[in-house]
Amino acid sequence: MAITKQYLKSKPVCKVTFSILAEDAEKVSVVGSFNEWDAEATPLKKLKNGIFKTTLDLDKDNSYEFKYLIDETVYANDDAADGYVWNDFASADNSVINV
């Protein structure tokens, strides 16, 4: 798993690329506070090497909670996240990204 950040000089936005290796998966989405935890809002594109990837524009000077949703059944955190925070609703940690 990997996260890359590219800050734009012309806008208060950071381009964040989310990627996860899920060779056997058919569908992966990233869900989080930036998209109201909507599984359909941010699908990742599967590359030939089995990595799923997408890039989002996120407002700078914010923190966002997120997880990957794999094949609509498995939630996974990103080991490259800036941190983790407990979520009582899910009874599990969520990944955190600071931009």
PDB file of N, CA and C in Angstrom:
ATOM      1  N   MET A   1       0.845  -1.165   0.000  1.00  0.00           N
ATOM      2  CA  MET A   1       0.000   0.000   0.000  1.00  0.00           C
ATOM      3  C   MET A   1       0.893   1.231   0.000  1.00  0.00           C
ATOM      4  N   ALA A   2       0.365   2.259  -0.612  1.00  0.00           N
ATOM      5  CA  ALA A   2       1.171   3.473  -0.696  1.00  0.00           C
ATOM      6  C   ALA A   2       0.270   4.690  -0.845  1.00  0.00           C
ATOM      7  N   ILE A   3       0.784   5.789  -0.341  1.00  0.00           N
ATOM      8  CA  ILE A   3       0.119   7.077  -0.484  1.00  0.00           C
ATOM      9  C   ILE A   3       1.181   8.065  -0.929  1.00  0.00           C
ATOM     10  N   THR A   4       0.869   8.839  -1.965  1.00  0.00           N
ATOM     11  CA  THR A   4       1.760   9.924  -2.355  1.00  0.00           C
ATOM     12  C   THR A   4       0.975  11.230  -2.334  1.00  0.00           C
ATOM     13  N   LYS A   5       1.670  12.313  -1.992  1.00  0.00           N
ATOM     14  CA  LYS A   5       1.045  13.629  -1.899  1.00  0.00           C
ATOM     15  C   LYS A   5       1.802  14.603  -2.793  1.00  0.00           C
ATOM     16  N   GLN A   6       1.034  15.388  -3.550  1.00  0.00           N
ATOM     17  CA  GLN A   6       1.622  16.429  -4.392  1.00  0.00           C
ATOM     18  C   GLN A   6       0.856  17.723  -4.126  1.00  0.00           C
ATOM     19  N   TYR A   7       1.529  18.666  -3.478  1.00  0.00           N
ATOM     20  CA  TYR A   7       0.890  19.941  -3.153  1.00  0.00           C
ATOM     21  C   TYR A   7       0.952  20.877  -4.351  1.00  0.00           C
ATOM     22  N   LEU A   8      -0.165  21.532  -4.636  1.00  0.00           N
ATOM     23  CA  LEU A   8      -0.240  22.460  -5.755  1.00  0.00           C
ATOM     24  C   LEU A   8       0.080  23.869  -5.269  1.00  0.00           C
ATOM     25  N   LYS A   9       0.888  24.588  -6.030  1.00  0.00           N
ATOM     26  CA  LYS A   9       1.234  25.964  -5.672  1.00  0.00           C
ATOM     27  C   LYS A   9       0.109  26.931  -6.002  1.00  0.00           C
ATOM     28  N   SER A  10      -0.688  26.592  -7.009  1.00  0.00           N
ATOM     29  CA  SER A  10      -1.712  27.514  -7.492  1.00  0.00           C
ATOM     30  C   SER A  10      -3.043  27.400  -6.751  1.00  0.00           C
ATOM     31  N   LYS A  11      -3.241  26.319  -5.974  1.00  0.00           N
ATOM     32  CA  LYS A  11      -4.511  26.098  -5.279  1.00  0.00           C
ATOM     33  C   LYS A  11      -4.232  25.529  -3.888  1.00  0.00           C
ATOM     34  N   PRO A  12      -5.165  25.731  -2.950  1.00  0.00           N
ATOM     35  CA  PRO A  12      -4.997  25.138  -1.618  1.00  0.00           C
ATOM     36  C   PRO A  12      -5.438  23.673  -1.602  1.00  0.00           C
ATOM     37  N   VAL A  13      -4.847  22.906  -2.508  1.00  0.00           N
ATOM     38  CA  VAL A  13      -5.247  21.516  -2.726  1.00  0.00           C
ATOM     39  C   VAL A  13      -3.999  20.640  -2.756  1.00  0.00           C
ATOM     40  N   CYS A  14      -4.174  19.406  -2.310  1.00  0.00           N
ATOM     41  CA  CYS A  14      -3.116  18.406  -2.413  1.00  0.00           C
ATOM     42  C   CYS A  14      -3.656  17.243  -3.237  1.00  0.00           C
ATOM     43  N   LYS A  15      -2.902  16.842  -4.265  1.00  0.00           N
ATOM     44  CA  LYS A  15      -3.263  15.662  -5.051  1.00  0.00           C
ATOM     45  C   LYS A  15      -2.722  14.447  -4.298  1.00  0.00           C
ATOM     46  N   VAL A  16      -3.638  13.605  -3.849  1.00  0.00           N
ATOM     47  CA  VAL A  16      -3.263  12.428  -3.072  1.00  0.00           C
ATOM     48  C   VAL A  16      -3.556  11.185  -3.900  1.00  0.00           C
ATOM     49  N   THR A  17      -2.527  10.358  -4.077  1.00  0.00           N
ATOM     50  CA  THR A  17      -2.688   9.099  -4.803  1.00  0.00           C
ATOM     51  C   THR A  17      -2.738   7.963  -3.793  1.00  0.00           C
ATOM     52  N   PHE A  18      -3.834   7.220  -3.851  1.00  0.00           N
ATOM     53  CA  PHE A  18      -4.032   6.047  -3.010  1.00  0.00           C
ATOM     54  C   PHE A  18      -3.783   4.819  -3.868  1.00  0.00           C
ATOM     55  N   SER A  19      -3.044   3.851  -3.340  1.00  0.00           N
ATOM     56  CA  SER A  19      -2.848   2.601  -4.090  1.00  0.00           C
ATOM     57  C   SER A  19      -2.722   1.435  -3.118  1.00  0.00           C
ATOM     58  N   ILE A  20      -3.224   0.291  -3.573  1.00  0.00           N
ATOM     59  CA  ILE A  20      -3.204  -0.921  -2.758  1.00  0.00           C
ATOM     60  C   ILE A  20      -3.040  -2.124  -3.681  1.00  0.00           C
ATOM     61  N   LEU A  21      -2.200  -3.051  -3.273  1.00  0.00           N
ATOM     62  CA  LEU A  21      -2.018  -4.298  -4.008  1.00  0.00           C
ATOM     63  C   LEU A  21      -3.130  -5.253  -3.596  1.00  0.00           C
ATOM     64  N   ALA A  22      -3.936  -5.661  -4.555  1.00  0.00           N
ATOM     65  CA  ALA A  22      -5.046  -6.586  -4.307  1.00  0.00           C
ATOM     66  C   ALA A  22      -5.252  -7.423  -5.564  1.00  0.00           C
ATOM     67  N   GLU A  23      -4.275  -8.268  -5.845  1.00  0.00           N
ATOM     68  CA  GLU A  23      -4.247  -9.021  -7.103  1.00  0.00           C
ATOM     69  C   GLU A  23      -5.508  -9.846  -7.362  1.00  0.00           C
ATOM     70  N   ASP A  24      -6.065 -10.435  -6.321  1.00  0.00           N
ATOM     71  CA  ASP A  24      -7.221 -11.314  -6.499  1.00  0.00           C
ATOM     72  C   ASP A  24      -8.557 -10.583  -6.438  1.00  0.00           C
ATOM     73  N   ALA A  25      -8.529  -9.298  -6.142  1.00  0.00           N
ATOM     74  CA  ALA A  25      -9.765  -8.523  -6.014  1.00  0.00           C
ATOM     75  C   ALA A  25     -10.315  -8.147  -7.379  1.00  0.00           C
ATOM     76  N   GLU A  26     -11.618  -7.982  -7.426  1.00  0.00           N
ATOM     77  CA  GLU A  26     -12.267  -7.506  -8.640  1.00  0.00           C
ATOM     78  C   GLU A  26     -12.576  -6.023  -8.562  1.00  0.00           C
ATOM     79  N   LYS A  27     -12.803  -5.534  -7.338  1.00  0.00           N
ATOM     80  CA  LYS A  27     -13.218  -4.143  -7.167  1.00  0.00           C
ATOM     81  C   LYS A  27     -12.648  -3.603  -5.852  1.00  0.00           C
ATOM     82  N   VAL A  28     -12.065  -2.407  -5.915  1.00  0.00           N
ATOM     83  CA  VAL A  28     -11.566  -1.737  -4.717  1.00  0.00           C
ATOM     84  C   VAL A  28     -12.003  -0.277  -4.777  1.00  0.00           C
ATOM     85  N   SER A  29     -12.453   0.227  -3.635  1.00  0.00           N
ATOM     86  CA  SER A  29     -12.810   1.642  -3.496  1.00  0.00           C
ATOM     87  C   SER A  29     -12.072   2.201  -2.289  1.00  0.00           C
ATOM     88  N   VAL A  30     -11.904   3.508  -2.269  1.00  0.00           N
ATOM     89  CA  VAL A  30     -11.418   4.162  -1.058  1.00  0.00           C
ATOM     90  C   VAL A  30     -12.601   4.944  -0.503  1.00  0.00           C
ATOM     91  N   VAL A  31     -12.894   4.701   0.767  1.00  0.00           N
ATOM     92  CA  VAL A  31     -14.016   5.362   1.430  1.00  0.00           C
ATOM     93  C   VAL A  31     -13.465   6.147   2.612  1.00  0.00           C
ATOM     94  N   GLY A  32     -14.091   7.296   2.872  1.00  0.00           N
ATOM     95  CA  GLY A  32     -13.591   8.081   3.986  1.00  0.00           C
ATOM     96  C   GLY A  32     -14.383   9.342   4.217  1.00  0.00           C
ATOM     97  N   SER A  33     -13.865  10.154   5.111  1.00  0.00           N
ATOM     98  CA  SER A  33     -14.546  11.391   5.467  1.00  0.00           C
ATOM     99  C   SER A  33     -14.585  12.374   4.301  1.00  0.00           C
ATOM    100  N   PHE A  34     -13.736  12.192   3.302  1.00  0.00           N
ATOM    101  CA  PHE A  34     -13.710  13.072   2.126  1.00  0.00           C
ATOM    102  C   PHE A  34     -14.806  12.737   1.122  1.00  0.00           C
ATOM    103  N   ASN A  35     -15.443  11.566   1.239  1.00  0.00           N
ATOM    104  CA  ASN A  35     -16.521  11.202   0.308  1.00  0.00           C
ATOM    105  C   ASN A  35     -17.736  10.613   1.032  1.00  0.00           C
ATOM    106  N   GLU A  36     -17.903  10.993   2.290  1.00  0.00           N
ATOM    107  CA  GLU A  36     -19.054  10.553   3.102  1.00  0.00           C
ATOM    108  C   GLU A  36     -19.130   9.033   3.237  1.00  0.00           C
ATOM    109  N   TRP A  37     -17.979   8.351   3.154  1.00  0.00           N
ATOM    110  CA  TRP A  37     -17.886   6.898   3.293  1.00  0.00           C
ATOM    111  C   TRP A  37     -18.730   6.164   2.247  1.00  0.00           C
ATOM    112  N   ASP A  38     -18.853   6.775   1.071  1.00  0.00           N
ATOM    113  CA  ASP A  38     -19.652   6.229  -0.021  1.00  0.00           C
ATOM    114  C   ASP A  38     -18.804   5.252  -0.850  1.00  0.00           C
ATOM    115  N   ALA A  39     -19.169   3.976  -0.830  1.00  0.00           N
ATOM    116  CA  ALA A  39     -18.408   2.934  -1.527  1.00  0.00           C
ATOM    117  C   ALA A  39     -18.407   3.103  -3.036  1.00  0.00           C
ATOM    118  N   GLU A  40     -19.381   3.807  -3.581  1.00  0.00           N
ATOM    119  CA  GLU A  40     -19.465   3.999  -5.029  1.00  0.00           C
ATOM    120  C   GLU A  40     -18.775   5.281  -5.497  1.00  0.00           C
ATOM    121  N   ALA A  41     -18.446   6.169  -4.573  1.00  0.00           N
ATOM    122  CA  ALA A  41     -17.947   7.496  -4.941  1.00  0.00           C
ATOM    123  C   ALA A  41     -16.528   7.478  -5.507  1.00  0.00           C
ATOM    124  N   THR A  42     -15.674   6.599  -4.991  1.00  0.00           N
ATOM    125  CA  THR A  42     -14.267   6.657  -5.378  1.00  0.00           C
ATOM    126  C   THR A  42     -13.699   5.267  -5.665  1.00  0.00           C
ATOM    127  N   PRO A  43     -14.056   4.695  -6.821  1.00  0.00           N
ATOM    128  CA  PRO A  43     -13.468   3.402  -7.185  1.00  0.00           C
ATOM    129  C   PRO A  43     -12.011   3.582  -7.618  1.00  0.00           C
ATOM    130  N   LEU A  44     -11.218   2.566  -7.389  1.00  0.00           N
ATOM    131  CA  LEU A  44      -9.833   2.575  -7.836  1.00  0.00           C
ATOM    132  C   LEU A  44      -9.727   1.780  -9.131  1.00  0.00           C
ATOM    133  N   LYS A  45      -8.777   2.161  -9.964  1.00  0.00           N
ATOM    134  CA  LYS A  45      -8.564   1.487 -11.248  1.00  0.00           C
ATOM    135  C   LYS A  45      -7.529   0.375 -11.054  1.00  0.00           C
ATOM    136  N   LYS A  46      -7.847  -0.814 -11.565  1.00  0.00           N
ATOM    137  CA  LYS A  46      -6.919  -1.937 -11.453  1.00  0.00           C
ATOM    138  C   LYS A  46      -5.894  -1.884 -12.582  1.00  0.00           C
ATOM    139  N   LEU A  47      -4.626  -1.940 -12.190  1.00  0.00           N
ATOM    140  CA  LEU A  47      -3.529  -1.968 -13.150  1.00  0.00           C
ATOM    141  C   LEU A  47      -3.132  -3.420 -13.426  1.00  0.00           C
ATOM    142  N   LYS A  48      -2.354  -3.636 -14.467  1.00  0.00           N
ATOM    143  CA  LYS A  48      -1.966  -4.992 -14.862  1.00  0.00           C
ATOM    144  C   LYS A  48      -1.171  -5.719 -13.784  1.00  0.00           C
ATOM    145  N   ASN A  49      -0.459  -4.977 -12.942  1.00  0.00           N
ATOM    146  CA  ASN A  49       0.369  -5.590 -11.908  1.00  0.00           C
ATOM    147  C   ASN A  49      -0.408  -5.922 -10.637  1.00  0.00           C
ATOM    148  N   GLY A  50      -1.738  -5.754 -10.653  1.00  0.00           N
ATOM    149  CA  GLY A  50      -2.564  -6.097  -9.503  1.00  0.00           C
ATOM    150  C   GLY A  50      -2.745  -4.976  -8.497  1.00  0.00           C
ATOM    151  N   ILE A  51      -2.190  -3.820  -8.794  1.00  0.00           N
ATOM    152  CA  ILE A  51      -2.351  -2.658  -7.917  1.00  0.00           C
ATOM    153  C   ILE A  51      -3.580  -1.871  -8.348  1.00  0.00           C
ATOM    154  N   PHE A  52      -4.379  -1.476  -7.378  1.00  0.00           N
ATOM    155  CA  PHE A  52      -5.517  -0.584  -7.608  1.00  0.00           C
ATOM    156  C   PHE A  52      -5.074   0.816  -7.205  1.00  0.00           C
ATOM    157  N   LYS A  53      -5.486   1.831  -8.003  1.00  0.00           N
ATOM    158  CA  LYS A  53      -4.937   3.173  -7.807  1.00  0.00           C
ATOM    159  C   LYS A  53      -5.943   4.249  -8.199  1.00  0.00           C
ATOM    160  N   THR A  54      -5.915   5.372  -7.470  1.00  0.00           N
ATOM    161  CA  THR A  54      -6.686   6.556  -7.842  1.00  0.00           C
ATOM    162  C   THR A  54      -6.021   7.779  -7.233  1.00  0.00           C
ATOM    163  N   THR A  55      -6.322   8.944  -7.804  1.00  0.00           N
ATOM    164  CA  THR A  55      -5.810  10.212  -7.286  1.00  0.00           C
ATOM    165  C   THR A  55      -6.979  11.139  -7.007  1.00  0.00           C
ATOM    166  N   LEU A  56      -6.953  11.755  -5.826  1.00  0.00           N
ATOM    167  CA  LEU A  56      -8.001  12.684  -5.407  1.00  0.00           C
ATOM    168  C   LEU A  56      -7.395  14.039  -5.078  1.00  0.00           C
ATOM    169  N   ASP A  57      -8.161  15.098  -5.293  1.00  0.00           N
ATOM    170  CA  ASP A  57      -7.788  16.433  -4.843  1.00  0.00           C
ATOM    171  C   ASP A  57      -8.415  16.651  -3.473  1.00  0.00           C
ATOM    172  N   LEU A  58      -7.579  16.791  -2.448  1.00  0.00           N
ATOM    173  CA  LEU A  58      -8.067  17.020  -1.095  1.00  0.00           C
ATOM    174  C   LEU A  58      -7.635  18.404  -0.619  1.00  0.00           C
ATOM    175  N   ASP A  59      -8.514  19.082   0.101  1.00  0.00           N
ATOM    176  CA  ASP A  59      -8.206  20.409   0.627  1.00  0.00           C
ATOM    177  C   ASP A  59      -7.055  20.324   1.613  1.00  0.00           C
ATOM    178  N   LYS A  60      -6.104  21.265   1.471  1.00  0.00           N
ATOM    179  CA  LYS A  60      -4.952  21.317   2.364  1.00  0.00           C
ATOM    180  C   LYS A  60      -5.380  21.696   3.776  1.00  0.00           C
ATOM    181  N   ASP A  61      -4.465  21.453   4.707  1.00  0.00           N
ATOM    182  CA  ASP A  61      -4.641  21.803   6.118  1.00  0.00           C
ATOM    183  C   ASP A  61      -5.825  21.079   6.745  1.00  0.00           C
ATOM    184  N   ASN A  62      -6.033  19.831   6.341  1.00  0.00           N
ATOM    185  CA  ASN A  62      -7.101  19.000   6.885  1.00  0.00           C
ATOM    186  C   ASN A  62      -6.575  17.596   7.153  1.00  0.00           C
ATOM    187  N   SER A  63      -7.282  16.892   8.003  1.00  0.00           N
ATOM    188  CA  SER A  63      -7.046  15.465   8.232  1.00  0.00           C
ATOM    189  C   SER A  63      -8.292  14.712   7.800  1.00  0.00           C
ATOM    190  N   TYR A  64      -8.084  13.554   7.204  1.00  0.00           N
ATOM    191  CA  TYR A  64      -9.184  12.747   6.706  1.00  0.00           C
ATOM    192  C   TYR A  64      -9.015  11.312   7.187  1.00  0.00           C
ATOM    193  N   GLU A  65     -10.119  10.685   7.600  1.00  0.00           N
ATOM    194  CA  GLU A  65     -10.121   9.267   7.924  1.00  0.00           C
ATOM    195  C   GLU A  65     -10.529   8.499   6.664  1.00  0.00           C
ATOM    196  N   PHE A  66      -9.957   7.301   6.495  1.00  0.00           N
ATOM    197  CA  PHE A  66     -10.310   6.499   5.323  1.00  0.00           C
ATOM    198  C   PHE A  66      -9.969   5.041   5.530  1.00  0.00           C
ATOM    199  N   LYS A  67     -10.507   4.208   4.642  1.00  0.00           N
ATOM    200  CA  LYS A  67     -10.188   2.783   4.531  1.00  0.00           C
ATOM    201  C   LYS A  67     -10.360   2.378   3.073  1.00  0.00           C
ATOM    202  N   TYR A  68      -9.761   1.256   2.713  1.00  0.00           N
ATOM    203  CA  TYR A  68     -10.021   0.644   1.416  1.00  0.00           C
ATOM    204  C   TYR A  68     -11.137  -0.377   1.597  1.00  0.00           C
ATOM    205  N   LEU A  69     -12.046  -0.443   0.630  1.00  0.00           N
ATOM    206  CA  LEU A  69     -13.110  -1.443   0.632  1.00  0.00           C
ATOM    207  C   LEU A  69     -12.839  -2.382  -0.540  1.00  0.00           C
ATOM    208  N   ILE A  70     -12.548  -3.626  -0.217  1.00  0.00           N
ATOM    209  CA  ILE A  70     -12.153  -4.617  -1.217  1.00  0.00           C
ATOM    210  C   ILE A  70     -13.318  -5.567  -1.474  1.00  0.00           C
ATOM    211  N   ASP A  71     -13.717  -5.642  -2.733  1.00  0.00           N
ATOM    212  CA  ASP A  71     -14.820  -6.508  -3.176  1.00  0.00           C
ATOM    213  C   ASP A  71     -16.072  -6.338  -2.312  1.00  0.00           C
ATOM    214  N   GLU A  72     -16.311  -5.131  -1.879  1.00  0.00           N
ATOM    215  CA  GLU A  72     -17.511  -4.734  -1.139  1.00  0.00           C
ATOM    216  C   GLU A  72     -17.714  -5.474   0.175  1.00  0.00           C
ATOM    217  N   THR A  73     -16.677  -6.186   0.670  1.00  0.00           N
ATOM    218  CA  THR A  73     -16.847  -6.955   1.904  1.00  0.00           C
ATOM    219  C   THR A  73     -15.733  -6.752   2.925  1.00  0.00           C
ATOM    220  N   VAL A  74     -14.518  -6.465   2.482  1.00  0.00           N
ATOM    221  CA  VAL A  74     -13.363  -6.391   3.376  1.00  0.00           C
ATOM    222  C   VAL A  74     -12.854  -4.949   3.453  1.00  0.00           C
ATOM    223  N   TYR A  75     -12.735  -4.445   4.677  1.00  0.00           N
ATOM    224  CA  TYR A  75     -12.157  -3.122   4.894  1.00  0.00           C
ATOM    225  C   TYR A  75     -10.698  -3.284   5.290  1.00  0.00           C
ATOM    226  N   ALA A  76      -9.822  -2.457   4.703  1.00  0.00           N
ATOM    227  CA  ALA A  76      -8.395  -2.537   5.002  1.00  0.00           C
ATOM    228  C   ALA A  76      -7.834  -1.144   5.244  1.00  0.00           C
ATOM    229  N   ASN A  77      -6.940  -1.057   6.224  1.00  0.00           N
ATOM    230  CA  ASN A  77      -6.216   0.187   6.464  1.00  0.00           C
ATOM    231  C   ASN A  77      -4.987   0.236   5.583  1.00  0.00           C
ATOM    232  N   ASP A  78      -4.386   1.403   5.496  1.00  0.00           N
ATOM    233  CA  ASP A  78      -3.173   1.602   4.703  1.00  0.00           C
ATOM    234  C   ASP A  78      -1.990   1.728   5.652  1.00  0.00           C
ATOM    235  N   ASP A  79      -0.984   0.859   5.488  1.00  0.00           N
ATOM    236  CA  ASP A  79       0.173   0.917   6.380  1.00  0.00           C
ATOM    237  C   ASP A  79       1.033   2.153   6.129  1.00  0.00           C
ATOM    238  N   ALA A  80       0.761   2.885   5.047  1.00  0.00           N
ATOM    239  CA  ALA A  80       1.480   4.126   4.760  1.00  0.00           C
ATOM    240  C   ALA A  80       0.715   5.357   5.252  1.00  0.00           C
ATOM    241  N   ALA A  81      -0.367   5.144   6.007  1.00  0.00           N
ATOM    242  CA  ALA A  81      -1.164   6.264   6.523  1.00  0.00           C
ATOM    243  C   ALA A  81      -0.326   7.097   7.497  1.00  0.00           C
ATOM    244  N   ASP A  82      -0.745   8.348   7.682  1.00  0.00           N
ATOM    245  CA  ASP A  82      -0.055   9.226   8.621  1.00  0.00           C
ATOM    246  C   ASP A  82      -0.349   8.846  10.066  1.00  0.00           C
ATOM    247  N   GLY A  83      -1.408   8.073  10.271  1.00  0.00           N
ATOM    248  CA  GLY A  83      -1.772   7.634  11.608  1.00  0.00           C
ATOM    249  C   GLY A  83      -3.049   6.833  11.555  1.00  0.00           C
ATOM    250  N   TYR A  84      -3.545   6.498  12.743  1.00  0.00           N
ATOM    251  CA  TYR A  84      -4.776   5.719  12.864  1.00  0.00           C
ATOM    252  C   TYR A  84      -5.600   6.304  14.004  1.00  0.00           C
ATOM    253  N   VAL A  85      -6.916   6.192  13.885  1.00  0.00           N
ATOM    254  CA  VAL A  85      -7.802   6.682  14.928  1.00  0.00           C
ATOM    255  C   VAL A  85      -8.910   5.655  15.137  1.00  0.00           C
ATOM    256  N   TRP A  86      -9.259   5.438  16.399  1.00  0.00           N
ATOM    257  CA  TRP A  86     -10.303   4.469  16.735  1.00  0.00           C
ATOM    258  C   TRP A  86     -11.662   4.987  16.293  1.00  0.00           C
ATOM    259  N   ASN A  87     -12.482   4.090  15.746  1.00  0.00           N
ATOM    260  CA  ASN A  87     -13.833   4.426  15.334  1.00  0.00           C
ATOM    261  C   ASN A  87     -14.793   3.523  16.089  1.00  0.00           C
ATOM    262  N   ASP A  88     -15.608   4.106  16.966  1.00  0.00           N
ATOM    263  CA  ASP A  88     -16.550   3.318  17.767  1.00  0.00           C
ATOM    264  C   ASP A  88     -17.595   2.620  16.907  1.00  0.00           C
ATOM    265  N   PHE A  89     -18.043   3.272  15.835  1.00  0.00           N
ATOM    266  CA  PHE A  89     -19.066   2.685  14.973  1.00  0.00           C
ATOM    267  C   PHE A  89     -18.601   1.363  14.374  1.00  0.00           C
ATOM    268  N   ALA A  90     -17.365   1.340  13.899  1.00  0.00           N
ATOM    269  CA  ALA A  90     -16.822   0.134  13.270  1.00  0.00           C
ATOM    270  C   ALA A  90     -16.099  -0.776  14.261  1.00  0.00           C
ATOM    271  N   SER A  91     -15.850  -0.277  15.454  1.00  0.00           N
ATOM    272  CA  SER A  91     -15.065  -0.995  16.457  1.00  0.00           C
ATOM    273  C   SER A  91     -13.706  -1.407  15.892  1.00  0.00           C
ATOM    274  N   ALA A  92     -13.090  -0.466  15.194  1.00  0.00           N
ATOM    275  CA  ALA A  92     -11.791  -0.709  14.566  1.00  0.00           C
ATOM    276  C   ALA A  92     -11.115   0.637  14.292  1.00  0.00           C
ATOM    277  N   ASP A  93      -9.824   0.572  13.995  1.00  0.00           N
ATOM    278  CA  ASP A  93      -9.087   1.776  13.612  1.00  0.00           C
ATOM    279  C   ASP A  93      -9.387   2.165  12.180  1.00  0.00           C
ATOM    280  N   ASN A  94      -9.363   3.459  11.917  1.00  0.00           N
ATOM    281  CA  ASN A  94      -9.388   3.988  10.564  1.00  0.00           C
ATOM    282  C   ASN A  94      -8.023   4.581  10.260  1.00  0.00           C
ATOM    283  N   SER A  95      -7.607   4.520   9.002  1.00  0.00           N
ATOM    284  CA  SER A  95      -6.397   5.211   8.574  1.00  0.00           C
ATOM    285  C   SER A  95      -6.651   6.701   8.572  1.00  0.00           C
ATOM    286  N   VAL A  96      -5.600   7.499   8.787  1.00  0.00           N
ATOM    287  CA  VAL A  96      -5.693   8.952   8.760  1.00  0.00           C
ATOM    288  C   VAL A  96      -4.647   9.490   7.811  1.00  0.00           C
ATOM    289  N   ILE A  97      -5.046  10.467   6.986  1.00  0.00           N
ATOM    290  CA  ILE A  97      -4.092  11.175   6.139  1.00  0.00           C
ATOM    291  C   ILE A  97      -4.198  12.665   6.461  1.00  0.00           C
ATOM    292  N   ASN A  98      -3.044  13.293   6.636  1.00  0.00           N
ATOM    293  CA  ASN A  98      -2.965  14.726   6.914  1.00  0.00           C
ATOM    294  C   ASN A  98      -2.403  15.424   5.678  1.00  0.00           C
ATOM    295  N   VAL A  99      -3.136  16.413   5.190  1.00  0.00           N
ATOM    296  CA  VAL A  99      -2.661  17.163   4.014  1.00  0.00           C
ATOM    297  C   VAL A  99      -2.634  18.650   4.316  1.00  0.00           C
TER     298      VAL A  99
END
